[in-house]
Amino acid sequence: MSIRRKRLQWALGSVGTGTFSTVPSLLLLYFLTATLAVPMAYAVVAVFVPKAASLLIDPWIGRLSDRHAARGRRPFLLVGAVAAGLTLAALFGVPSAADPRLTAALVGAIYLASVLAFAIFAVPYIAMPPNIEPEPEAQLRLIGLRMVFVTIGIIVGGALGPVLVDAGGGGTAGYRFMGVMLGLVVTAAMLVAALADVERPVTVSQSLGGGPLPPGFVSLLGFYFCAQAAAGCGSAALPYFIIGLEGGSETELGLRLLLMLGTGAMSAPVWGRYAGKVGAAQAVPAVLGFLLLGYGLCSASVLSAQVASVNGFAAGMVCLGIGSTGVQVIVFGQLAALTSGEDGAASRAGQLTGYATAIEKLALASGPLLAGGTLLLFGVNEGALREADRLAVLFALAAVPALLTCLAAVIARHMDTASDLQGIVT
C-alpha cells in the first residue's frame, strides 16, 4: 500500500471521532427529557458530569500514550475503537425506569464509560501527526485531510442520526436503532485507522518529555472552550426549536443540520488557505464574524413566524457551519504547530492533545448545561413546548451562544502568534 493510501486510511478514523462527538452533544439531552421523561435538572447533570470528567481522563490517557509512543499508539486505538462503538450503542439503549433519577443515573454511568472509551482512541489518535509526518507543512496537510473526515463524521452523526431515529420507529426504539447503527459506524471507522501502518518510530526520551506549557497554549484553549461551548449550547437547543416548538420531525432536524455541516465541510479547504495566507490570529475575526452573523439570523428567525424566517434560519445555519469549521481549522492547526517544535512540546504531544480534547469535551458538555439551564430559567422542563416558550428557545439557541462567541473574541486578542500558521500552510 502506498504512503498516500496509508495516510488516507489513518484519516478515515475521523469519521468515527466526528460521529461519536456529535451524537450525544446534539441528541442526548433531548433523548433524556422528551423520550425518557427525565426532568431537565437531572438530565443536565447526567450529561454534564461525565463530560466534565474528561478534564482528568484525557490528560491521563495522553500521558499513558506518550509513555508507550516508542512501541506505537496502535493498542490504544484498537481498544478504544471497540469500546467506543459499544458504549455509544448502550447509551441510547437505556429504557425508561419508574424513577427518573435512576434513569438519569444509568445514562450518566454509561456516558462516563463512553467518555473513557472515546478518550482511549481519540487522544492518541489526534496526537499522531508529528509521529507520521516529519515536516510541519506535511503535518498540516494531514490535519486538513483529517478535518475533512471529521466533518463527514459530524454530518453522519448530526444529519443521519435524527433520520435513523425516525427510520427505527421513533421513541425509545428509534433511538436504540440509531445507537446501534452509528455504534457500528464508529467502530468500523476507528478500526480502519487503528490498522493503518503510518507511525514512525520514536525514542523513549522523545516520548517522556516535560516542562511548562508552550506559549499561547492556555489562550488557545480558552478561545476553543468558548467557541465550542457556544456551539454545544446552540446544538442542544436546536431540537427544542425544530421539533418541540415548530412541530418538525427528527428527519427535518437532520436536514437542517446537513445544510449547516455540508457548507462547513466545503469551507474547510478555504479556511486552511486563508489562515495560511494571513495567519491564524488574523483569521479569527472572520471566523467570529460568520458565527455572530449566524446567531443573529437565527435569532430573527426564531422570533418570526413568517415564511421569510425559514430562509433566514437556513442562512444562519450556513454561517454557523462555516464559522464552526473555521474554529476547528485554526485550533488544530495551532496545536500541531505547538507540538512540532524542538522545545520539548513534541515529546508531550499526547498530553497536550489530552488537554485540548478535555477542554473540547467540557465545552460541549457545558453547552447542554447552559441550554438546559436557560430553558429551566424560563420554566421549560420537558421536550414539548408552547408558543409562550419561544423567548426561552431564542436565548438558548442564539443569544447565549452569541455572548460566548463575544467572549471568545476577547480571549483571541491574547492568543500568542509565535506558533502562527502563516508560512506553514501553502
Protein backbone atom coordinates (compact mmCIF):
# COMPACT_ATOMS: atom_id res chain seq x y z
CA MET A 1 0.00 0.00 0.00
CA SER A 2 1.34 3.45 -0.92
CA ILE A 3 2.18 6.05 1.71
CA ARG A 4 -0.65 8.27 0.48
CA ARG A 5 -3.20 5.47 0.83
CA LYS A 6 -1.93 4.67 4.33
CA ARG A 7 -2.42 8.29 5.37
CA LEU A 8 -5.90 8.25 3.87
CA GLN A 9 -6.66 5.08 5.82
CA TRP A 10 -5.48 6.75 9.04
CA ALA A 11 -7.55 9.89 8.38
CA LEU A 12 -10.71 7.81 7.87
CA GLY A 13 -10.75 7.25 11.63
CA SER A 14 -12.00 10.82 11.98
CA VAL A 15 -15.36 9.75 10.59
CA GLY A 16 -15.67 7.79 13.84
CA THR A 17 -14.49 10.61 16.09
CA GLY A 18 -16.75 13.14 14.38
CA THR A 19 -19.77 10.87 14.65
CA PHE A 20 -19.13 9.94 18.27
CA SER A 21 -18.60 13.53 19.37
CA THR A 22 -21.71 14.86 17.65
CA VAL A 23 -24.49 12.43 18.53
CA PRO A 24 -24.54 12.81 22.35
CA SER A 25 -23.94 16.56 22.16
CA LEU A 26 -26.88 17.00 19.82
CA LEU A 27 -29.41 14.41 20.97
CA LEU A 28 -28.67 13.10 24.47
CA LEU A 29 -30.31 15.94 26.42
CA TYR A 30 -33.42 15.82 24.24
CA PHE A 31 -33.49 11.99 24.44
CA LEU A 32 -33.47 12.19 28.22
CA THR A 33 -36.16 14.84 28.57
CA ALA A 34 -38.50 14.14 25.67
CA THR A 35 -38.19 10.36 25.30
CA LEU A 36 -37.22 9.04 28.71
CA ALA A 37 -39.23 11.71 30.60
CA VAL A 38 -36.32 12.71 32.84
CA PRO A 39 -36.76 16.18 34.41
CA MET A 40 -34.46 18.80 32.92
CA ALA A 41 -32.37 19.27 36.09
CA TYR A 42 -31.49 15.55 36.34
CA ALA A 43 -30.88 15.33 32.59
CA VAL A 44 -28.46 18.25 32.65
CA VAL A 45 -26.43 16.63 35.44
CA ALA A 46 -26.37 13.27 33.62
CA VAL A 47 -24.97 14.95 30.50
CA PHE A 48 -22.55 17.38 32.13
CA VAL A 49 -20.78 15.37 34.85
CA PRO A 50 -19.36 12.60 32.60
CA LYS A 51 -18.05 15.14 30.12
CA ALA A 52 -16.50 17.21 32.92
CA ALA A 53 -14.59 14.08 33.96
CA SER A 54 -12.64 14.48 30.71
CA LEU A 55 -10.54 17.11 32.46
CA LEU A 56 -8.95 14.23 34.37
CA ILE A 57 -9.38 11.37 31.91
CA ASP A 58 -7.96 12.87 28.71
CA PRO A 59 -4.62 14.21 30.04
CA TRP A 60 -4.13 10.90 31.87
CA ILE A 61 -4.70 8.92 28.67
CA GLY A 62 -2.40 11.34 26.87
CA ARG A 63 0.43 10.75 29.33
CA LEU A 64 -0.03 6.99 29.08
CA SER A 65 0.11 7.11 25.29
CA ASP A 66 3.25 9.28 25.40
CA ARG A 67 4.96 6.68 27.58
CA HIS A 68 4.12 3.96 25.07
CA ALA A 69 4.84 6.04 21.96
CA ALA A 70 8.13 4.19 21.37
CA ARG A 71 6.13 0.99 20.79
CA GLY A 72 3.38 2.80 18.90
CA ARG A 73 -0.08 4.04 19.87
CA ARG A 74 -1.98 1.34 17.97
CA PRO A 75 -3.03 -0.70 21.07
CA PHE A 76 -4.85 2.36 22.43
CA LEU A 77 -6.63 2.84 19.11
CA LEU A 78 -7.75 -0.80 18.88
CA VAL A 79 -9.18 -0.90 22.40
CA GLY A 80 -10.83 2.49 22.08
CA ALA A 81 -12.38 1.67 18.69
CA VAL A 82 -14.27 -1.36 20.00
CA ALA A 83 -15.25 0.22 23.33
CA ALA A 84 -16.47 3.48 21.76
CA GLY A 85 -18.94 1.77 19.45
CA LEU A 86 -20.28 -0.48 22.20
CA THR A 87 -20.82 2.35 24.67
CA LEU A 88 -22.50 4.58 22.08
CA ALA A 89 -24.99 1.81 21.31
CA ALA A 90 -25.61 1.23 25.03
CA LEU A 91 -26.06 4.94 25.72
CA PHE A 92 -29.17 5.26 23.56
CA GLY A 93 -30.48 1.83 24.51
CA VAL A 94 -31.32 2.73 28.11
CA PRO A 95 -35.01 2.10 28.91
CA SER A 96 -37.11 4.46 30.99
CA ALA A 97 -37.20 3.43 34.66
CA ALA A 98 -40.06 4.11 37.06
CA ASP A 99 -37.86 6.55 38.95
CA PRO A 100 -36.44 9.21 36.59
CA ARG A 101 -33.46 9.66 38.92
CA LEU A 102 -32.49 6.03 38.29
CA THR A 103 -32.80 6.57 34.55
CA ALA A 104 -30.60 9.66 34.74
CA ALA A 105 -28.02 7.84 36.89
CA LEU A 106 -27.85 4.89 34.48
CA VAL A 107 -27.44 7.15 31.45
CA GLY A 108 -24.79 9.14 33.31
CA ALA A 109 -22.83 5.99 34.19
CA ILE A 110 -22.88 4.71 30.62
CA TYR A 111 -21.95 8.14 29.34
CA LEU A 112 -18.94 8.20 31.67
CA ALA A 113 -17.83 4.84 30.28
CA SER A 114 -18.25 6.18 26.75
CA VAL A 115 -16.15 9.25 27.59
CA LEU A 116 -13.34 6.97 28.77
CA ALA A 117 -13.66 4.71 25.72
CA PHE A 118 -13.55 7.65 23.34
CA ALA A 119 -10.52 9.15 25.09
CA ILE A 120 -8.59 5.89 24.73
CA PHE A 121 -8.92 6.21 20.97
CA ALA A 122 -9.15 9.94 20.29
CA VAL A 123 -6.35 11.35 22.43
CA PRO A 124 -3.53 9.16 21.00
CA TYR A 125 -5.06 9.41 17.53
CA ILE A 126 -5.14 13.21 17.41
CA ALA A 127 -1.57 13.33 18.80
CA MET A 128 -0.18 11.19 15.96
CA PRO A 129 0.55 13.68 13.12
CA PRO A 130 4.09 14.54 14.38
CA ASN A 131 4.80 10.79 14.51
CA ILE A 132 3.52 10.32 10.96
CA GLU A 133 4.94 13.33 9.10
CA PRO A 134 8.31 14.92 9.99
CA GLU A 135 7.70 18.25 8.24
CA PRO A 136 5.27 20.93 9.55
CA GLU A 137 3.76 21.56 6.12
CA ALA A 138 3.08 17.85 5.63
CA GLN A 139 1.60 17.63 9.12
CA LEU A 140 -0.83 20.42 8.36
CA ARG A 141 -1.90 18.77 5.11
CA LEU A 142 -2.54 15.60 7.09
CA ILE A 143 -4.58 17.55 9.66
CA GLY A 144 -6.53 19.15 6.82
CA LEU A 145 -7.33 15.70 5.46
CA ARG A 146 -8.37 14.57 8.92
CA MET A 147 -10.64 17.61 9.31
CA VAL A 148 -12.45 16.70 6.09
CA PHE A 149 -13.29 13.30 7.55
CA VAL A 150 -14.17 14.85 10.92
CA THR A 151 -16.76 16.96 9.13
CA ILE A 152 -18.09 13.90 7.32
CA GLY A 153 -18.43 12.20 10.71
CA ILE A 154 -20.24 15.22 12.10
CA ILE A 155 -22.62 15.07 9.14
CA VAL A 156 -23.18 11.35 9.74
CA GLY A 157 -23.92 11.93 13.42
CA GLY A 158 -25.76 15.23 13.14
CA ALA A 159 -27.77 14.73 9.96
CA LEU A 160 -28.12 10.95 9.69
CA GLY A 161 -28.65 10.38 13.43
CA PRO A 162 -32.11 12.01 13.62
CA VAL A 163 -33.11 10.31 10.35
CA LEU A 164 -32.19 6.92 11.83
CA VAL A 165 -34.37 7.68 14.86
CA ASP A 166 -37.33 8.14 12.53
CA ALA A 167 -36.36 5.06 10.50
CA GLY A 168 -36.29 2.99 13.69
CA GLY A 169 -39.83 3.96 14.57
CA GLY A 170 -39.15 6.94 16.81
CA GLY A 171 -39.26 6.93 20.59
CA THR A 172 -37.03 4.58 22.57
CA ALA A 173 -36.95 2.02 19.75
CA GLY A 174 -35.84 4.65 17.26
CA TYR A 175 -33.04 5.93 19.47
CA ARG A 176 -31.93 2.35 20.20
CA PHE A 177 -31.77 1.63 16.47
CA MET A 178 -29.78 4.81 15.85
CA GLY A 179 -27.32 3.97 18.64
CA VAL A 180 -26.61 0.51 17.24
CA MET A 181 -26.21 1.70 13.65
CA LEU A 182 -23.94 4.62 14.50
CA GLY A 183 -22.02 2.49 17.00
CA LEU A 184 -21.14 0.16 14.14
CA VAL A 185 -20.05 3.12 12.00
CA VAL A 186 -17.86 4.45 14.81
CA THR A 187 -16.13 1.14 15.48
CA ALA A 188 -15.60 0.37 11.79
CA ALA A 189 -14.08 3.78 11.01
CA MET A 190 -11.84 3.72 14.07
CA LEU A 191 -10.60 0.19 13.36
CA VAL A 192 -9.67 1.20 9.82
CA ALA A 193 -7.45 3.95 11.27
CA ALA A 194 -6.04 1.71 14.01
CA LEU A 195 -4.84 -0.81 11.43
CA ALA A 196 -3.07 1.81 9.29
CA ASP A 197 0.70 1.36 9.34
CA VAL A 198 1.71 5.01 9.44
CA GLU A 199 3.69 5.71 12.64
CA ARG A 200 7.40 6.45 12.50
CA PRO A 201 9.46 5.01 15.39
CA VAL A 202 10.28 7.43 18.22
CA THR A 203 12.78 7.08 21.04
CA VAL A 204 11.81 6.67 24.69
CA SER A 205 13.42 10.00 25.57
CA GLN A 206 11.25 11.72 22.96
CA SER A 207 8.09 10.26 24.46
CA LEU A 208 8.75 11.22 28.04
CA GLY A 209 9.11 14.99 27.86
CA GLY A 210 8.14 17.57 30.42
CA GLY A 211 8.31 21.26 31.12
CA PRO A 212 5.99 24.24 31.06
CA LEU A 213 3.09 24.65 28.67
CA PRO A 214 4.02 26.18 25.30
CA PRO A 215 3.40 29.95 24.87
CA GLY A 216 -0.11 30.70 23.73
CA PHE A 217 -1.46 27.27 24.68
CA VAL A 218 -3.71 28.46 27.52
CA SER A 219 -5.20 31.26 25.41
CA LEU A 220 -5.79 28.78 22.60
CA LEU A 221 -7.67 26.51 24.98
CA GLY A 222 -9.72 29.43 26.32
CA PHE A 223 -10.70 30.50 22.83
CA TYR A 224 -11.60 26.93 21.89
CA PHE A 225 -13.65 26.40 25.06
CA CYS A 226 -15.84 29.46 24.48
CA ALA A 227 -16.38 28.73 20.80
CA GLN A 228 -17.25 25.08 21.42
CA ALA A 229 -19.48 25.86 24.41
CA ALA A 230 -21.41 28.22 22.16
CA ALA A 231 -21.76 25.51 19.52
CA GLY A 232 -22.79 22.95 22.13
CA CYS A 233 -25.42 25.26 23.62
CA GLY A 234 -26.97 26.03 20.25
CA SER A 235 -26.89 22.40 19.13
CA ALA A 236 -28.55 21.18 22.33
CA ALA A 237 -31.31 23.79 21.94
CA LEU A 238 -31.91 23.09 18.24
CA PRO A 239 -34.24 20.06 18.71
CA TYR A 240 -36.36 22.12 21.09
CA PHE A 241 -36.88 24.64 18.29
CA ILE A 242 -37.26 22.33 15.28
CA ILE A 243 -39.25 19.56 16.99
CA GLY A 244 -40.59 20.99 20.23
CA LEU A 245 -41.61 24.48 19.07
CA GLU A 246 -42.10 24.20 15.32
CA GLY A 247 -43.54 20.67 15.35
CA GLY A 248 -40.99 19.26 12.90
CA SER A 249 -39.65 15.71 12.80
CA GLU A 250 -36.24 14.24 13.55
CA THR A 251 -35.72 13.97 9.80
CA GLU A 252 -36.31 17.70 9.39
CA LEU A 253 -33.81 18.32 12.17
CA GLY A 254 -31.30 16.17 10.31
CA LEU A 255 -31.83 18.07 7.06
CA ARG A 256 -31.22 21.42 8.80
CA LEU A 257 -28.01 20.05 10.26
CA LEU A 258 -26.96 18.63 6.89
CA LEU A 259 -27.24 22.12 5.43
CA MET A 260 -25.06 23.57 8.18
CA LEU A 261 -22.47 20.81 8.25
CA GLY A 262 -22.29 20.37 4.50
CA THR A 263 -21.44 24.00 3.88
CA GLY A 264 -18.97 23.80 6.76
CA ALA A 265 -17.22 20.85 5.13
CA MET A 266 -16.93 22.69 1.83
CA SER A 267 -15.41 25.69 3.59
CA ALA A 268 -12.59 23.73 5.29
CA PRO A 269 -10.04 24.00 2.43
CA VAL A 270 -10.83 27.69 2.05
CA TRP A 271 -10.19 28.33 5.74
CA GLY A 272 -6.92 26.43 5.52
CA ARG A 273 -5.66 28.55 2.62
CA TYR A 274 -6.91 31.78 4.18
CA ALA A 275 -5.31 31.05 7.56
CA GLY A 276 -2.08 30.15 5.81
CA LYS A 277 -2.08 33.40 3.89
CA VAL A 278 -2.96 35.89 6.62
CA GLY A 279 -2.03 33.92 9.76
CA ALA A 280 -4.25 32.09 12.23
CA ALA A 281 -4.68 35.00 14.63
CA GLN A 282 -5.63 37.31 11.77
CA ALA A 283 -8.21 34.77 10.53
CA VAL A 284 -10.05 34.73 13.87
CA PRO A 285 -12.12 37.91 13.24
CA ALA A 286 -13.52 36.44 10.03
CA VAL A 287 -14.40 33.20 11.83
CA LEU A 288 -16.14 35.02 14.66
CA GLY A 289 -17.90 37.29 12.19
CA PHE A 290 -19.53 34.30 10.49
CA LEU A 291 -20.60 32.90 13.87
CA LEU A 292 -22.13 36.16 15.12
CA LEU A 293 -23.93 36.71 11.82
CA GLY A 294 -25.30 33.18 12.04
CA TYR A 295 -26.61 33.64 15.58
CA GLY A 296 -28.16 36.96 14.58
CA LEU A 297 -30.03 35.45 11.64
CA CYS A 298 -31.22 32.52 13.78
CA SER A 299 -32.44 34.93 16.46
CA ALA A 300 -34.51 36.89 13.96
CA SER A 301 -35.95 33.68 12.54
CA VAL A 302 -36.94 32.25 15.92
CA LEU A 303 -38.86 35.43 16.73
CA SER A 304 -40.66 35.47 13.38
CA ALA A 305 -43.42 33.16 12.17
CA GLN A 306 -43.18 34.32 8.54
CA VAL A 307 -42.03 32.20 5.59
CA ALA A 308 -39.04 34.50 5.19
CA SER A 309 -37.84 33.36 8.60
CA VAL A 310 -37.30 29.84 7.19
CA ASN A 311 -34.85 31.23 4.66
CA GLY A 312 -33.26 33.41 7.31
CA PHE A 313 -32.79 30.43 9.61
CA ALA A 314 -31.24 28.43 6.76
CA ALA A 315 -28.83 31.30 6.04
CA GLY A 316 -27.98 31.45 9.73
CA MET A 317 -27.22 27.72 9.79
CA VAL A 318 -24.94 28.12 6.77
CA CYS A 319 -22.99 30.92 8.51
CA LEU A 320 -22.69 28.84 11.69
CA GLY A 321 -21.39 25.86 9.71
CA ILE A 322 -18.73 27.96 8.00
CA GLY A 323 -17.69 29.67 11.24
CA SER A 324 -17.54 26.44 13.27
CA THR A 325 -15.32 24.81 10.65
CA GLY A 326 -13.02 27.83 10.78
CA VAL A 327 -12.64 27.40 14.53
CA GLN A 328 -11.58 23.76 14.09
CA VAL A 329 -9.04 24.56 11.36
CA ILE A 330 -7.43 27.33 13.42
CA VAL A 331 -7.30 25.44 16.72
CA PHE A 332 -5.94 22.14 15.41
CA GLY A 333 -3.52 23.87 13.10
CA GLN A 334 -2.19 25.89 16.04
CA LEU A 335 -2.00 22.73 18.17
CA ALA A 336 0.05 20.94 15.52
CA ALA A 337 2.42 23.90 15.30
CA LEU A 338 2.82 23.99 19.09
CA THR A 339 3.65 20.28 19.32
CA SER A 340 6.02 20.14 16.36
CA GLY A 341 8.92 22.19 17.69
CA GLU A 342 12.16 21.19 19.35
CA ASP A 343 11.38 22.74 22.73
CA GLY A 344 10.05 19.57 24.37
CA ALA A 345 6.41 20.10 23.48
CA ALA A 346 6.63 17.47 20.74
CA SER A 347 7.56 14.84 23.34
CA ARG A 348 4.29 15.62 25.15
CA ALA A 349 2.04 15.63 22.09
CA GLY A 350 -0.34 13.14 23.70
CA GLN A 351 -0.55 15.04 26.97
CA LEU A 352 -1.11 18.42 25.30
CA THR A 353 -3.65 16.88 22.95
CA GLY A 354 -5.34 15.41 26.02
CA TYR A 355 -5.73 18.89 27.48
CA ALA A 356 -7.21 20.14 24.20
CA THR A 357 -9.67 17.26 23.84
CA ALA A 358 -10.64 17.58 27.52
CA ILE A 359 -11.42 21.26 27.00
CA GLU A 360 -13.41 20.41 23.89
CA LYS A 361 -15.48 17.80 25.75
CA LEU A 362 -16.00 20.06 28.74
CA ALA A 363 -17.13 22.83 26.40
CA LEU A 364 -19.52 20.56 24.53
CA ALA A 365 -20.88 19.34 27.87
CA SER A 366 -21.24 22.91 29.09
CA GLY A 367 -23.35 23.64 26.02
CA PRO A 368 -26.26 21.37 27.05
CA LEU A 369 -25.79 22.56 30.63
CA LEU A 370 -26.23 26.16 29.50
CA ALA A 371 -29.09 25.31 27.15
CA GLY A 372 -30.90 23.26 29.78
CA GLY A 373 -30.28 25.86 32.45
CA THR A 374 -31.58 28.62 30.21
CA LEU A 375 -34.72 26.67 29.38
CA LEU A 376 -35.23 25.86 33.06
CA LEU A 377 -34.84 29.54 33.92
CA PHE A 378 -37.75 30.28 31.62
CA GLY A 379 -39.83 27.44 33.07
CA VAL A 380 -39.30 24.84 30.32
CA ASN A 381 -38.96 21.38 31.86
CA GLU A 382 -39.86 18.98 29.03
CA GLY A 383 -39.45 18.37 25.32
CA ALA A 384 -42.92 19.59 24.28
CA LEU A 385 -43.00 23.39 24.11
CA ARG A 386 -45.69 26.05 23.85
CA GLU A 387 -45.68 29.23 21.79
CA ALA A 388 -45.00 31.13 25.02
CA ASP A 389 -41.64 29.34 25.23
CA ARG A 390 -40.31 30.99 22.06
CA LEU A 391 -38.26 33.53 24.01
CA ALA A 392 -36.66 30.73 26.05
CA VAL A 393 -35.65 28.95 22.86
CA LEU A 394 -34.27 32.20 21.44
CA PHE A 395 -31.93 32.64 24.40
CA ALA A 396 -30.78 29.00 24.45
CA LEU A 397 -30.37 28.69 20.68
CA ALA A 398 -28.77 32.03 19.79
CA ALA A 399 -28.43 34.69 22.50
CA VAL A 400 -26.30 32.72 24.97
CA PRO A 401 -24.09 31.26 22.20
CA ALA A 402 -23.58 34.77 20.80
CA LEU A 403 -22.40 36.01 24.20
CA LEU A 404 -19.93 33.10 24.43
CA THR A 405 -18.68 33.93 20.94
CA CYS A 406 -18.03 37.52 22.03
CA LEU A 407 -16.04 36.17 24.98
CA ALA A 408 -14.02 34.03 22.57
CA ALA A 409 -13.27 37.19 20.60
CA VAL A 410 -11.86 38.85 23.74
CA ILE A 411 -9.65 35.85 24.51
CA ALA A 412 -8.48 35.66 20.90
CA ARG A 413 -6.87 39.09 21.30
CA HIS A 414 -4.40 37.49 23.72
CA MET A 415 -3.56 34.44 21.61
CA ASP A 416 0.17 34.12 21.03
CA THR A 417 1.18 34.40 17.39
CA ALA A 418 4.59 32.72 17.73
CA SER A 419 3.07 29.42 16.63
CA ASP A 420 1.01 31.00 13.89
CA LEU A 421 0.10 29.08 10.78
CA GLN A 422 1.42 31.76 8.45
CA GLY A 423 4.13 30.27 6.28
CA ILE A 424 3.14 26.70 7.18
CA VAL A 425 0.05 26.40 5.00
CA THR A 426 0.67 26.93 1.31
